[in-house]
N, C-alpha and C. Protein backbone atom coordinates (compact mmCIF):
# COMPACT_ATOMS: atom_id res chain seq x y z
N MET A 1 121.75 105.39 53.15
CA MET A 1 120.91 105.07 54.33
C MET A 1 121.76 105.16 55.59
N SER A 2 121.29 105.86 56.59
CA SER A 2 122.05 106.03 57.82
C SER A 2 121.97 104.79 58.69
N HIS A 3 122.86 104.74 59.71
CA HIS A 3 122.85 103.64 60.68
C HIS A 3 121.48 103.55 61.38
N GLY A 4 120.89 104.71 61.69
CA GLY A 4 119.57 104.70 62.33
C GLY A 4 118.50 104.11 61.44
N ASP A 5 118.61 104.40 60.10
CA ASP A 5 117.63 103.83 59.17
C ASP A 5 117.74 102.32 59.11
N VAL A 6 118.98 101.79 59.17
CA VAL A 6 119.17 100.33 59.16
C VAL A 6 118.50 99.73 60.38
N GLU A 7 118.68 100.36 61.53
CA GLU A 7 118.06 99.86 62.74
C GLU A 7 116.54 99.85 62.62
N GLN A 8 115.97 100.87 61.98
CA GLN A 8 114.51 100.92 61.82
C GLN A 8 114.02 99.79 60.94
N VAL A 9 114.77 99.46 59.89
CA VAL A 9 114.36 98.38 59.00
C VAL A 9 114.48 97.03 59.70
N GLN A 10 115.54 96.86 60.49
CA GLN A 10 115.80 95.56 61.09
C GLN A 10 114.87 95.23 62.25
N ARG A 11 114.42 96.23 62.99
CA ARG A 11 113.61 95.96 64.17
C ARG A 11 112.36 95.14 63.88
N PRO A 12 111.55 95.51 62.84
CA PRO A 12 110.37 94.69 62.57
C PRO A 12 110.72 93.26 62.20
N MET A 13 111.87 93.06 61.50
CA MET A 13 112.28 91.70 61.16
C MET A 13 112.59 90.90 62.40
N ARG A 14 113.26 91.50 63.38
CA ARG A 14 113.56 90.80 64.62
C ARG A 14 112.28 90.49 65.38
N ARG A 15 111.33 91.43 65.36
CA ARG A 15 110.07 91.19 66.04
C ARG A 15 109.29 90.07 65.37
N ASP A 16 109.27 90.06 64.03
CA ASP A 16 108.59 88.99 63.31
C ASP A 16 109.22 87.64 63.61
N ALA A 17 110.54 87.61 63.64
CA ALA A 17 111.22 86.36 63.94
C ALA A 17 110.89 85.87 65.34
N ARG A 18 110.84 86.80 66.28
CA ARG A 18 110.49 86.45 67.66
C ARG A 18 109.07 85.92 67.73
N GLU A 19 108.16 86.55 67.00
CA GLU A 19 106.77 86.10 67.00
C GLU A 19 106.65 84.71 66.38
N SER A 20 107.38 84.47 65.28
CA SER A 20 107.36 83.15 64.66
C SER A 20 107.87 82.09 65.62
N ARG A 21 108.95 82.42 66.33
CA ARG A 21 109.51 81.47 67.29
C ARG A 21 108.52 81.16 68.40
N ASP A 22 107.88 82.20 68.92
CA ASP A 22 106.90 82.00 69.99
C ASP A 22 105.72 81.15 69.51
N LYS A 23 105.27 81.39 68.27
CA LYS A 23 104.17 80.60 67.73
C LYS A 23 104.57 79.14 67.56
N LEU A 24 105.80 78.91 67.13
CA LEU A 24 106.29 77.55 66.98
C LEU A 24 106.35 76.84 68.32
N ILE A 25 106.83 77.53 69.34
CA ILE A 25 106.90 76.91 70.67
C ILE A 25 105.51 76.59 71.18
N GLY A 26 104.56 77.51 70.99
CA GLY A 26 103.19 77.26 71.42
C GLY A 26 102.57 76.07 70.71
N ALA A 27 102.75 76.01 69.39
CA ALA A 27 102.22 74.88 68.63
C ALA A 27 102.89 73.58 69.03
N ALA A 28 104.21 73.64 69.28
CA ALA A 28 104.95 72.45 69.68
C ALA A 28 104.51 71.96 71.05
N GLN A 29 104.27 72.87 71.97
CA GLN A 29 103.82 72.47 73.30
C GLN A 29 102.51 71.69 73.21
N HIS A 30 101.61 72.17 72.37
CA HIS A 30 100.31 71.50 72.22
C HIS A 30 100.49 70.14 71.55
N GLU A 31 101.27 70.09 70.48
CA GLU A 31 101.39 68.86 69.70
C GLU A 31 102.22 67.81 70.42
N PHE A 32 103.31 68.20 71.04
CA PHE A 32 104.10 67.24 71.80
C PHE A 32 103.31 66.69 72.98
N ALA A 33 102.54 67.54 73.65
CA ALA A 33 101.72 67.07 74.77
C ALA A 33 100.71 66.03 74.32
N ALA A 34 100.13 66.24 73.15
CA ALA A 34 99.09 65.33 72.66
C ALA A 34 99.66 64.08 72.00
N ARG A 35 100.77 64.22 71.27
CA ARG A 35 101.27 63.13 70.43
C ARG A 35 102.58 62.53 70.89
N GLY A 36 103.27 63.18 71.82
CA GLY A 36 104.56 62.67 72.24
C GLY A 36 105.71 63.29 71.47
N VAL A 37 106.92 62.86 71.80
CA VAL A 37 108.10 63.50 71.24
C VAL A 37 108.27 63.25 69.74
N ASP A 38 107.56 62.27 69.19
CA ASP A 38 107.66 61.98 67.76
C ASP A 38 106.56 62.67 66.95
N ALA A 39 105.92 63.67 67.53
CA ALA A 39 104.87 64.42 66.83
C ALA A 39 105.40 65.01 65.53
N SER A 40 104.49 65.23 64.60
CA SER A 40 104.86 65.73 63.27
C SER A 40 105.35 67.17 63.34
N LEU A 41 106.57 67.40 62.88
CA LEU A 41 107.08 68.76 62.82
C LEU A 41 106.38 69.57 61.74
N GLU A 42 105.97 68.89 60.68
CA GLU A 42 105.22 69.58 59.62
C GLU A 42 103.92 70.14 60.15
N LYS A 43 103.23 69.36 60.99
CA LYS A 43 101.96 69.84 61.57
C LYS A 43 102.22 71.00 62.53
N ILE A 44 103.29 70.91 63.29
CA ILE A 44 103.62 72.00 64.20
C ILE A 44 103.84 73.29 63.41
N ALA A 45 104.58 73.18 62.30
CA ALA A 45 104.82 74.36 61.46
C ALA A 45 103.52 74.91 60.90
N ARG A 46 102.64 74.02 60.42
CA ARG A 46 101.34 74.47 59.88
C ARG A 46 100.52 75.15 60.96
N ASP A 47 100.47 74.55 62.12
CA ASP A 47 99.67 75.13 63.22
C ASP A 47 100.21 76.49 63.65
N ALA A 48 101.52 76.67 63.51
CA ALA A 48 102.13 77.95 63.85
C ALA A 48 102.00 78.97 62.73
N GLY A 49 101.55 78.51 61.55
CA GLY A 49 101.38 79.40 60.41
C GLY A 49 102.68 79.77 59.73
N VAL A 50 103.67 78.87 59.81
CA VAL A 50 104.96 79.13 59.16
C VAL A 50 105.35 77.93 58.33
N SER A 51 106.39 78.09 57.52
CA SER A 51 106.88 76.98 56.70
C SER A 51 107.78 76.07 57.54
N ILE A 52 107.97 74.85 57.05
CA ILE A 52 108.88 73.93 57.74
C ILE A 52 110.30 74.47 57.71
N GLY A 53 110.64 75.22 56.66
CA GLY A 53 111.95 75.84 56.60
C GLY A 53 112.16 76.85 57.71
N THR A 54 111.11 77.62 58.01
CA THR A 54 111.19 78.58 59.11
C THR A 54 111.38 77.86 60.43
N LEU A 55 110.66 76.74 60.59
CA LEU A 55 110.83 75.95 61.82
C LEU A 55 112.29 75.56 61.99
N TYR A 56 112.90 75.03 60.93
CA TYR A 56 114.28 74.57 61.04
C TYR A 56 115.27 75.72 61.18
N ARG A 57 114.92 76.90 60.70
CA ARG A 57 115.81 78.05 60.93
C ARG A 57 115.86 78.42 62.41
N HIS A 58 114.72 78.30 63.06
CA HIS A 58 114.69 78.59 64.50
C HIS A 58 115.19 77.42 65.34
N PHE A 59 114.86 76.20 64.91
CA PHE A 59 115.18 75.00 65.69
C PHE A 59 115.79 73.97 64.74
N PRO A 60 117.10 73.92 64.64
CA PRO A 60 117.75 73.05 63.66
C PRO A 60 117.45 71.57 63.82
N SER A 61 117.06 71.13 65.02
CA SER A 61 116.74 69.72 65.21
C SER A 61 115.44 69.59 66.01
N ARG A 62 114.85 68.41 65.95
CA ARG A 62 113.65 68.10 66.74
C ARG A 62 113.92 68.33 68.22
N LEU A 63 115.09 67.92 68.68
CA LEU A 63 115.40 68.07 70.10
C LEU A 63 115.49 69.52 70.53
N ASP A 64 115.98 70.38 69.65
CA ASP A 64 116.02 71.80 69.97
C ASP A 64 114.61 72.33 70.24
N LEU A 65 113.67 71.94 69.38
CA LEU A 65 112.28 72.38 69.55
C LEU A 65 111.65 71.73 70.77
N LEU A 66 111.94 70.45 70.98
CA LEU A 66 111.37 69.73 72.12
C LEU A 66 111.79 70.38 73.43
N VAL A 67 113.07 70.68 73.57
CA VAL A 67 113.56 71.27 74.82
C VAL A 67 112.95 72.65 75.03
N ALA A 68 112.85 73.44 73.96
CA ALA A 68 112.23 74.77 74.08
C ALA A 68 110.77 74.64 74.51
N ALA A 69 110.06 73.66 73.96
CA ALA A 69 108.64 73.47 74.29
C ALA A 69 108.46 72.96 75.71
N LEU A 70 109.35 72.08 76.16
CA LEU A 70 109.21 71.46 77.48
C LEU A 70 109.84 72.28 78.61
N ARG A 71 110.59 73.32 78.25
CA ARG A 71 111.37 74.03 79.28
C ARG A 71 110.51 74.50 80.47
N PRO A 72 109.33 75.11 80.26
CA PRO A 72 108.55 75.54 81.44
C PRO A 72 108.15 74.36 82.33
N ARG A 73 107.75 73.24 81.72
CA ARG A 73 107.34 72.07 82.51
C ARG A 73 108.54 71.44 83.20
N LEU A 74 109.67 71.40 82.51
CA LEU A 74 110.88 70.88 83.13
C LEU A 74 111.29 71.72 84.34
N GLN A 75 111.19 73.04 84.21
CA GLN A 75 111.55 73.91 85.33
C GLN A 75 110.59 73.72 86.50
N GLU A 76 109.31 73.59 86.19
CA GLU A 76 108.32 73.33 87.26
C GLU A 76 108.64 72.02 87.97
N PHE A 77 108.96 71.00 87.19
CA PHE A 77 109.30 69.70 87.77
C PHE A 77 110.52 69.82 88.68
N LEU A 78 111.58 70.46 88.20
CA LEU A 78 112.80 70.56 88.97
C LEU A 78 112.61 71.40 90.23
N ASP A 79 111.80 72.45 90.15
CA ASP A 79 111.51 73.28 91.32
C ASP A 79 110.76 72.47 92.38
N ARG A 80 109.74 71.74 91.95
CA ARG A 80 108.99 70.91 92.91
C ARG A 80 109.87 69.82 93.50
N ALA A 81 110.71 69.23 92.66
CA ALA A 81 111.61 68.18 93.14
C ALA A 81 112.56 68.74 94.18
N GLY A 82 113.05 69.94 93.95
CA GLY A 82 113.93 70.57 94.92
C GLY A 82 113.26 70.76 96.27
N ARG A 83 111.99 71.15 96.25
CA ARG A 83 111.25 71.31 97.52
C ARG A 83 111.08 69.97 98.23
N ALA A 84 110.83 68.91 97.47
CA ALA A 84 110.70 67.58 98.08
C ALA A 84 112.01 67.16 98.75
N LEU A 85 113.11 67.44 98.09
CA LEU A 85 114.41 67.06 98.64
C LEU A 85 114.73 67.79 99.94
N GLU A 86 114.10 68.94 100.16
CA GLU A 86 114.36 69.72 101.36
C GLU A 86 113.46 69.33 102.54
N MET A 87 112.52 68.41 102.35
CA MET A 87 111.62 68.00 103.43
C MET A 87 112.40 67.28 104.53
N ASP A 88 111.96 67.47 105.77
CA ASP A 88 112.68 66.91 106.92
C ASP A 88 112.60 65.39 106.98
N ASP A 89 111.42 64.84 106.74
CA ASP A 89 111.23 63.39 106.85
C ASP A 89 111.66 62.71 105.55
N PRO A 90 112.67 61.83 105.59
CA PRO A 90 113.17 61.22 104.36
C PRO A 90 112.13 60.40 103.60
N TRP A 91 111.28 59.66 104.32
CA TRP A 91 110.26 58.87 103.63
C TRP A 91 109.22 59.77 102.97
N GLU A 92 108.77 60.79 103.69
CA GLU A 92 107.81 61.73 103.11
C GLU A 92 108.43 62.47 101.91
N ALA A 93 109.71 62.75 101.98
CA ALA A 93 110.39 63.38 100.85
C ALA A 93 110.40 62.44 99.65
N PHE A 94 110.64 61.17 99.88
CA PHE A 94 110.64 60.17 98.81
C PHE A 94 109.26 60.07 98.17
N VAL A 95 108.22 60.02 99.00
CA VAL A 95 106.85 59.96 98.50
C VAL A 95 106.52 61.21 97.69
N ALA A 96 106.85 62.37 98.24
CA ALA A 96 106.54 63.64 97.55
C ALA A 96 107.27 63.73 96.22
N TYR A 97 108.51 63.28 96.20
CA TYR A 97 109.28 63.32 94.95
C TYR A 97 108.60 62.45 93.88
N LEU A 98 108.22 61.24 94.24
CA LEU A 98 107.60 60.35 93.26
C LEU A 98 106.22 60.84 92.85
N GLU A 99 105.46 61.39 93.76
CA GLU A 99 104.15 61.95 93.39
C GLU A 99 104.32 63.08 92.37
N ASN A 100 105.33 63.91 92.59
CA ASN A 100 105.62 64.99 91.64
C ASN A 100 106.08 64.40 90.30
N LEU A 101 106.99 63.46 90.35
CA LEU A 101 107.54 62.85 89.14
C LEU A 101 106.44 62.24 88.27
N PHE A 102 105.59 61.43 88.87
CA PHE A 102 104.57 60.73 88.11
C PHE A 102 103.40 61.65 87.77
N GLY A 103 103.10 62.59 88.66
CA GLY A 103 102.02 63.54 88.37
C GLY A 103 102.34 64.43 87.18
N MET A 104 103.62 64.75 86.99
CA MET A 104 104.01 65.59 85.86
C MET A 104 103.88 64.87 84.53
N GLN A 105 103.78 63.54 84.56
CA GLN A 105 103.56 62.79 83.32
C GLN A 105 102.13 62.94 82.82
N VAL A 106 101.21 63.22 83.73
CA VAL A 106 99.79 63.26 83.40
C VAL A 106 99.49 64.42 82.46
N GLY A 107 98.79 64.15 81.38
CA GLY A 107 98.34 65.20 80.47
C GLY A 107 99.39 65.73 79.53
N ASN A 108 100.58 65.11 79.53
CA ASN A 108 101.62 65.59 78.62
C ASN A 108 102.47 64.41 78.17
N ARG A 109 102.07 63.83 77.04
CA ARG A 109 102.78 62.65 76.54
C ARG A 109 104.22 62.98 76.18
N GLY A 110 104.46 64.18 75.70
CA GLY A 110 105.82 64.56 75.36
C GLY A 110 106.73 64.57 76.57
N PHE A 111 106.24 65.11 77.68
CA PHE A 111 107.05 65.13 78.90
C PHE A 111 107.25 63.72 79.42
N SER A 112 106.21 62.89 79.33
CA SER A 112 106.33 61.50 79.75
C SER A 112 107.36 60.77 78.91
N ASP A 113 107.33 60.99 77.60
CA ASP A 113 108.34 60.40 76.72
C ASP A 113 109.73 60.88 77.08
N PHE A 114 109.84 62.16 77.37
CA PHE A 114 111.14 62.74 77.70
C PHE A 114 111.72 62.07 78.95
N LEU A 115 110.88 61.86 79.97
CA LEU A 115 111.35 61.20 81.19
C LEU A 115 111.80 59.78 80.92
N SER A 116 111.18 59.13 79.94
CA SER A 116 111.38 57.70 79.71
C SER A 116 112.58 57.37 78.85
N ARG A 117 113.11 58.34 78.13
CA ARG A 117 114.11 58.07 77.11
C ARG A 117 115.39 58.87 77.35
N ARG A 118 116.44 58.45 76.68
CA ARG A 118 117.70 59.19 76.65
C ARG A 118 117.96 59.62 75.21
N PHE A 119 118.41 60.86 75.05
CA PHE A 119 118.68 61.42 73.73
C PHE A 119 120.18 61.74 73.67
N THR A 120 120.95 60.78 73.21
CA THR A 120 122.40 60.84 73.34
C THR A 120 123.05 61.91 72.49
N ASP A 121 122.33 62.41 71.47
CA ASP A 121 122.92 63.42 70.60
C ASP A 121 122.63 64.84 71.05
N SER A 122 122.18 65.01 72.29
CA SER A 122 121.90 66.34 72.82
C SER A 122 122.55 66.49 74.19
N ALA A 123 123.54 67.36 74.28
CA ALA A 123 124.21 67.59 75.56
C ALA A 123 123.25 68.18 76.59
N GLU A 124 122.31 69.01 76.13
CA GLU A 124 121.38 69.64 77.08
C GLU A 124 120.43 68.63 77.70
N THR A 125 119.86 67.74 76.86
CA THR A 125 118.94 66.74 77.43
C THR A 125 119.69 65.76 78.32
N GLU A 126 120.92 65.43 77.96
CA GLU A 126 121.71 64.56 78.82
C GLU A 126 121.96 65.22 80.17
N ARG A 127 122.25 66.52 80.16
CA ARG A 127 122.47 67.24 81.42
C ARG A 127 121.21 67.22 82.29
N ILE A 128 120.04 67.44 81.65
CA ILE A 128 118.78 67.44 82.40
C ILE A 128 118.50 66.06 82.98
N HIS A 129 118.71 65.02 82.17
CA HIS A 129 118.49 63.66 82.67
C HIS A 129 119.46 63.33 83.80
N ASP A 130 120.71 63.75 83.67
CA ASP A 130 121.67 63.48 84.73
C ASP A 130 121.24 64.16 86.03
N GLU A 131 120.70 65.37 85.93
CA GLU A 131 120.22 66.07 87.13
C GLU A 131 119.04 65.33 87.76
N MET A 132 118.12 64.86 86.92
CA MET A 132 116.99 64.09 87.44
C MET A 132 117.47 62.80 88.12
N CYS A 133 118.39 62.11 87.46
CA CYS A 133 118.91 60.85 88.02
C CYS A 133 119.59 61.09 89.36
N GLN A 134 120.31 62.19 89.47
CA GLN A 134 120.96 62.50 90.74
C GLN A 134 119.92 62.80 91.82
N GLN A 135 118.85 63.48 91.45
CA GLN A 135 117.77 63.73 92.41
C GLN A 135 117.16 62.43 92.91
N ILE A 136 116.89 61.52 91.97
CA ILE A 136 116.33 60.22 92.36
C ILE A 136 117.28 59.51 93.32
N GLU A 137 118.56 59.53 92.99
CA GLU A 137 119.56 58.88 93.83
C GLU A 137 119.59 59.50 95.21
N ASP A 138 119.52 60.83 95.28
CA ASP A 138 119.59 61.52 96.56
C ASP A 138 118.39 61.22 97.44
N VAL A 139 117.18 61.33 96.86
CA VAL A 139 115.99 61.15 97.67
C VAL A 139 115.82 59.68 98.08
N LEU A 140 116.22 58.76 97.21
CA LEU A 140 116.14 57.34 97.53
C LEU A 140 117.16 56.96 98.60
N THR A 141 118.40 57.38 98.44
CA THR A 141 119.45 57.04 99.40
C THR A 141 119.12 57.57 100.79
N ARG A 142 118.56 58.77 100.82
CA ARG A 142 118.21 59.36 102.12
C ARG A 142 117.15 58.52 102.83
N ALA A 143 116.15 58.04 102.10
CA ALA A 143 115.13 57.19 102.71
C ALA A 143 115.69 55.83 103.11
N GLN A 144 116.65 55.34 102.35
CA GLN A 144 117.28 54.05 102.70
C GLN A 144 118.18 54.20 103.92
N ASP A 145 118.88 55.31 104.03
CA ASP A 145 119.83 55.50 105.13
C ASP A 145 119.15 55.51 106.49
N VAL A 146 117.87 55.92 106.54
CA VAL A 146 117.16 55.93 107.83
C VAL A 146 116.32 54.67 108.01
N GLY A 147 116.47 53.72 107.09
CA GLY A 147 115.75 52.45 107.22
C GLY A 147 114.29 52.51 106.83
N ALA A 148 113.89 53.56 106.09
CA ALA A 148 112.48 53.68 105.70
C ALA A 148 112.19 52.95 104.38
N ALA A 149 113.11 53.04 103.45
CA ALA A 149 112.94 52.38 102.15
C ALA A 149 113.83 51.14 102.11
N ARG A 150 113.34 50.10 101.47
CA ARG A 150 114.11 48.86 101.40
C ARG A 150 115.47 49.12 100.73
N PRO A 151 116.51 48.47 101.21
CA PRO A 151 117.86 48.81 100.77
C PRO A 151 118.22 48.35 99.36
N ASP A 152 117.43 47.46 98.77
CA ASP A 152 117.80 46.92 97.47
C ASP A 152 117.15 47.66 96.30
N ILE A 153 116.39 48.74 96.57
CA ILE A 153 115.83 49.54 95.48
C ILE A 153 116.96 50.32 94.81
N THR A 154 116.89 50.40 93.49
CA THR A 154 117.88 51.19 92.76
C THR A 154 117.17 52.20 91.87
N GLN A 155 117.97 53.07 91.30
CA GLN A 155 117.45 54.05 90.35
C GLN A 155 116.71 53.37 89.20
N ALA A 156 117.21 52.21 88.76
CA ALA A 156 116.55 51.48 87.68
C ALA A 156 115.13 51.07 88.05
N ASP A 157 114.90 50.74 89.31
CA ASP A 157 113.55 50.38 89.75
C ASP A 157 112.61 51.57 89.64
N ILE A 158 113.10 52.76 89.93
CA ILE A 158 112.28 53.96 89.81
C ILE A 158 111.97 54.25 88.35
N VAL A 159 112.95 54.09 87.47
CA VAL A 159 112.71 54.31 86.04
C VAL A 159 111.72 53.28 85.51
N ASN A 160 111.78 52.05 86.00
CA ASN A 160 110.76 51.06 85.63
C ASN A 160 109.36 51.57 85.94
N LEU A 161 109.22 52.24 87.08
CA LEU A 161 107.92 52.81 87.45
C LEU A 161 107.52 53.95 86.52
N ILE A 162 108.49 54.75 86.08
CA ILE A 162 108.19 55.82 85.12
C ILE A 162 107.62 55.21 83.84
N TRP A 163 108.25 54.14 83.34
CA TRP A 163 107.75 53.48 82.13
C TRP A 163 106.34 52.94 82.35
N ALA A 164 106.14 52.26 83.49
CA ALA A 164 104.84 51.67 83.78
C ALA A 164 103.77 52.75 83.94
N ASN A 165 104.14 53.83 84.62
CA ASN A 165 103.17 54.90 84.85
C ASN A 165 102.74 55.54 83.54
N GLY A 166 103.67 55.68 82.60
CA GLY A 166 103.31 56.24 81.31
C GLY A 166 102.25 55.41 80.60
N ARG A 167 102.39 54.10 80.66
CA ARG A 167 101.40 53.23 80.01
C ARG A 167 100.06 53.27 80.75
N ILE A 168 100.11 53.34 82.08
CA ILE A 168 98.87 53.44 82.85
C ILE A 168 98.13 54.72 82.48
N ILE A 169 98.84 55.83 82.39
CA ILE A 169 98.21 57.10 82.03
C ILE A 169 97.62 57.04 80.63
N ASP A 170 98.36 56.44 79.69
CA ASP A 170 97.84 56.30 78.32
C ASP A 170 96.54 55.50 78.31
N ALA A 171 96.48 54.44 79.12
CA ALA A 171 95.32 53.55 79.11
C ALA A 171 94.12 54.13 79.83
N THR A 172 94.35 54.93 80.88
CA THR A 172 93.26 55.34 81.76
C THR A 172 92.95 56.84 81.71
N GLY A 173 93.72 57.59 80.92
CA GLY A 173 93.62 59.05 80.96
C GLY A 173 92.23 59.60 80.75
N THR A 174 91.43 58.97 79.88
CA THR A 174 90.08 59.49 79.60
C THR A 174 89.00 58.83 80.43
N THR A 175 89.31 57.69 81.04
CA THR A 175 88.27 56.97 81.79
C THR A 175 88.47 57.03 83.30
N ALA A 176 89.72 56.98 83.75
CA ALA A 176 90.02 57.02 85.19
C ALA A 176 91.34 57.77 85.38
N PRO A 177 91.32 59.09 85.22
CA PRO A 177 92.57 59.86 85.17
C PRO A 177 93.42 59.82 86.43
N ASP A 178 92.86 59.37 87.55
CA ASP A 178 93.65 59.29 88.78
C ASP A 178 94.09 57.87 89.11
N ALA A 179 93.91 56.93 88.18
CA ALA A 179 94.26 55.53 88.44
C ALA A 179 95.75 55.38 88.77
N TRP A 180 96.58 56.23 88.21
CA TRP A 180 98.02 56.12 88.45
C TRP A 180 98.37 56.30 89.93
N ARG A 181 97.56 57.09 90.65
CA ARG A 181 97.87 57.34 92.06
C ARG A 181 97.76 56.05 92.88
N ARG A 182 96.73 55.26 92.60
CA ARG A 182 96.58 54.00 93.33
C ARG A 182 97.77 53.08 93.09
N GLN A 183 98.18 52.97 91.82
CA GLN A 183 99.31 52.12 91.49
C GLN A 183 100.59 52.60 92.17
N LEU A 184 100.79 53.92 92.20
CA LEU A 184 101.97 54.47 92.87
C LEU A 184 101.99 54.09 94.34
N HIS A 185 100.86 54.25 95.02
CA HIS A 185 100.85 53.99 96.46
C HIS A 185 100.90 52.50 96.78
N LEU A 186 100.41 51.67 95.88
CA LEU A 186 100.63 50.23 96.05
C LEU A 186 102.13 49.92 95.98
N MET A 187 102.82 50.56 95.03
CA MET A 187 104.25 50.33 94.89
C MET A 187 105.01 50.92 96.08
N LEU A 188 104.56 52.04 96.60
CA LEU A 188 105.23 52.63 97.75
C LEU A 188 105.15 51.70 98.96
N ASP A 189 104.02 51.03 99.13
CA ASP A 189 103.92 50.04 100.20
C ASP A 189 104.95 48.92 99.98
N ALA A 190 105.13 48.52 98.73
CA ALA A 190 106.11 47.47 98.43
C ALA A 190 107.54 47.95 98.66
N TYR A 191 107.75 49.26 98.61
CA TYR A 191 109.09 49.81 98.79
C TYR A 191 109.47 50.04 100.25
N ARG A 192 108.52 49.88 101.15
CA ARG A 192 108.84 50.09 102.57
C ARG A 192 109.77 48.99 103.07
N ALA A 193 110.73 49.39 103.88
CA ALA A 193 111.75 48.46 104.34
C ALA A 193 111.15 47.29 105.12
N GLU A 194 110.12 47.55 105.92
CA GLU A 194 109.57 46.48 106.76
C GLU A 194 108.82 45.42 105.94
N ARG A 195 108.53 45.71 104.67
CA ARG A 195 107.84 44.75 103.82
C ARG A 195 108.79 43.99 102.89
N ALA A 196 110.08 44.25 103.03
CA ALA A 196 111.05 43.69 102.09
C ALA A 196 111.26 42.20 102.30
N HIS A 197 111.42 41.49 101.20
CA HIS A 197 111.86 40.10 101.23
C HIS A 197 112.85 39.93 100.09
N PRO A 198 113.73 38.97 100.17
CA PRO A 198 114.77 38.83 99.14
C PRO A 198 114.17 38.59 97.74
N ILE A 199 114.78 39.21 96.74
CA ILE A 199 114.37 39.04 95.35
C ILE A 199 115.54 38.41 94.60
N ALA A 200 115.26 37.32 93.92
CA ALA A 200 116.33 36.57 93.26
C ALA A 200 116.93 37.34 92.09
N ASP A 201 116.08 38.05 91.34
CA ASP A 201 116.56 38.74 90.14
C ASP A 201 117.19 40.08 90.53
N PRO A 202 118.39 40.34 90.05
CA PRO A 202 119.05 41.62 90.39
C PRO A 202 118.45 42.77 89.60
N PRO A 203 118.64 44.01 90.07
CA PRO A 203 118.19 45.16 89.28
C PRO A 203 119.09 45.35 88.06
N MET A 204 118.61 46.13 87.10
CA MET A 204 119.45 46.48 85.96
C MET A 204 120.66 47.27 86.43
N THR A 205 121.76 47.08 85.75
CA THR A 205 122.92 47.92 86.02
C THR A 205 122.69 49.30 85.41
N SER A 206 123.53 50.25 85.76
CA SER A 206 123.41 51.59 85.19
C SER A 206 123.55 51.56 83.68
N ALA A 207 124.48 50.74 83.18
CA ALA A 207 124.68 50.64 81.73
C ALA A 207 123.46 50.04 81.05
N GLN A 208 122.86 49.01 81.66
CA GLN A 208 121.66 48.40 81.09
C GLN A 208 120.50 49.39 81.06
N LEU A 209 120.36 50.15 82.13
CA LEU A 209 119.29 51.14 82.19
C LEU A 209 119.47 52.20 81.11
N TYR A 210 120.69 52.69 80.97
CA TYR A 210 120.96 53.72 79.97
C TYR A 210 120.64 53.18 78.57
N ASP A 211 121.10 51.98 78.28
CA ASP A 211 120.85 51.38 76.97
C ASP A 211 119.36 51.19 76.72
N ALA A 212 118.61 50.82 77.76
CA ALA A 212 117.18 50.64 77.60
C ALA A 212 116.48 51.95 77.27
N MET A 213 116.91 53.04 77.89
CA MET A 213 116.31 54.34 77.63
C MET A 213 116.66 54.84 76.23
N VAL A 214 117.87 54.53 75.76
CA VAL A 214 118.24 54.88 74.39
C VAL A 214 117.42 54.04 73.41
N HIS A 215 117.22 52.76 73.74
CA HIS A 215 116.42 51.89 72.86
C HIS A 215 115.01 52.41 72.71
N LEU A 216 114.43 52.92 73.78
CA LEU A 216 113.08 53.49 73.69
C LEU A 216 113.05 54.68 72.74
N ARG A 217 114.11 55.46 72.74
CA ARG A 217 114.18 56.59 71.82
C ARG A 217 114.20 56.10 70.38
N ASP A 218 114.93 55.02 70.12
CA ASP A 218 115.13 54.54 68.76
C ASP A 218 113.98 53.66 68.26
N ALA A 219 113.19 53.10 69.19
CA ALA A 219 112.13 52.16 68.81
C ALA A 219 110.85 52.92 68.50
N LYS A 220 110.76 53.49 67.29
CA LYS A 220 109.61 54.29 66.90
C LYS A 220 108.61 53.41 66.19
């Protein structure tokens, strides 16, 4: 058999593998959105029309599949966040960033779970979370520096809102799908510097916040 003949035999196999991978990603996007990051991998494989072994050949871990499935939504989120960070008015940039952050949780439980948790055994998810955390820090600090946002807000307070917003969306998604917007804007009023009053309880430290997000991952 010539080298050209080998190439002819291999091409359909590569195409089939690519098609299987695409089907798995499509099935995973649907299932993770509906069920969250702990969705059944067996069901994803069945919906894609492949065996669980094929799934693991393409995606050796759940996180590998999750990141592949969420990548388009993650990129959309990061692109929108970048535009918010470029806005001239620091307070409006802060509002736009949070509206984008919480709006992206709507209709996708997997993405909401991803925002809420830390996955310490994946360098890629840690990198993505670190980028998000830096964005939160940047947009918040900018609003604080001009006296628009109260100075005692921390990144942990924003993550608390992510957790709360996820539960609000779960509770109201079918009956009042825009209820989260009212809650966000009530909280934004509370975050304005002119409305600030001393709070006795300190915010979580960075270490406490990280541990809490890891605990959410482990508490199935």
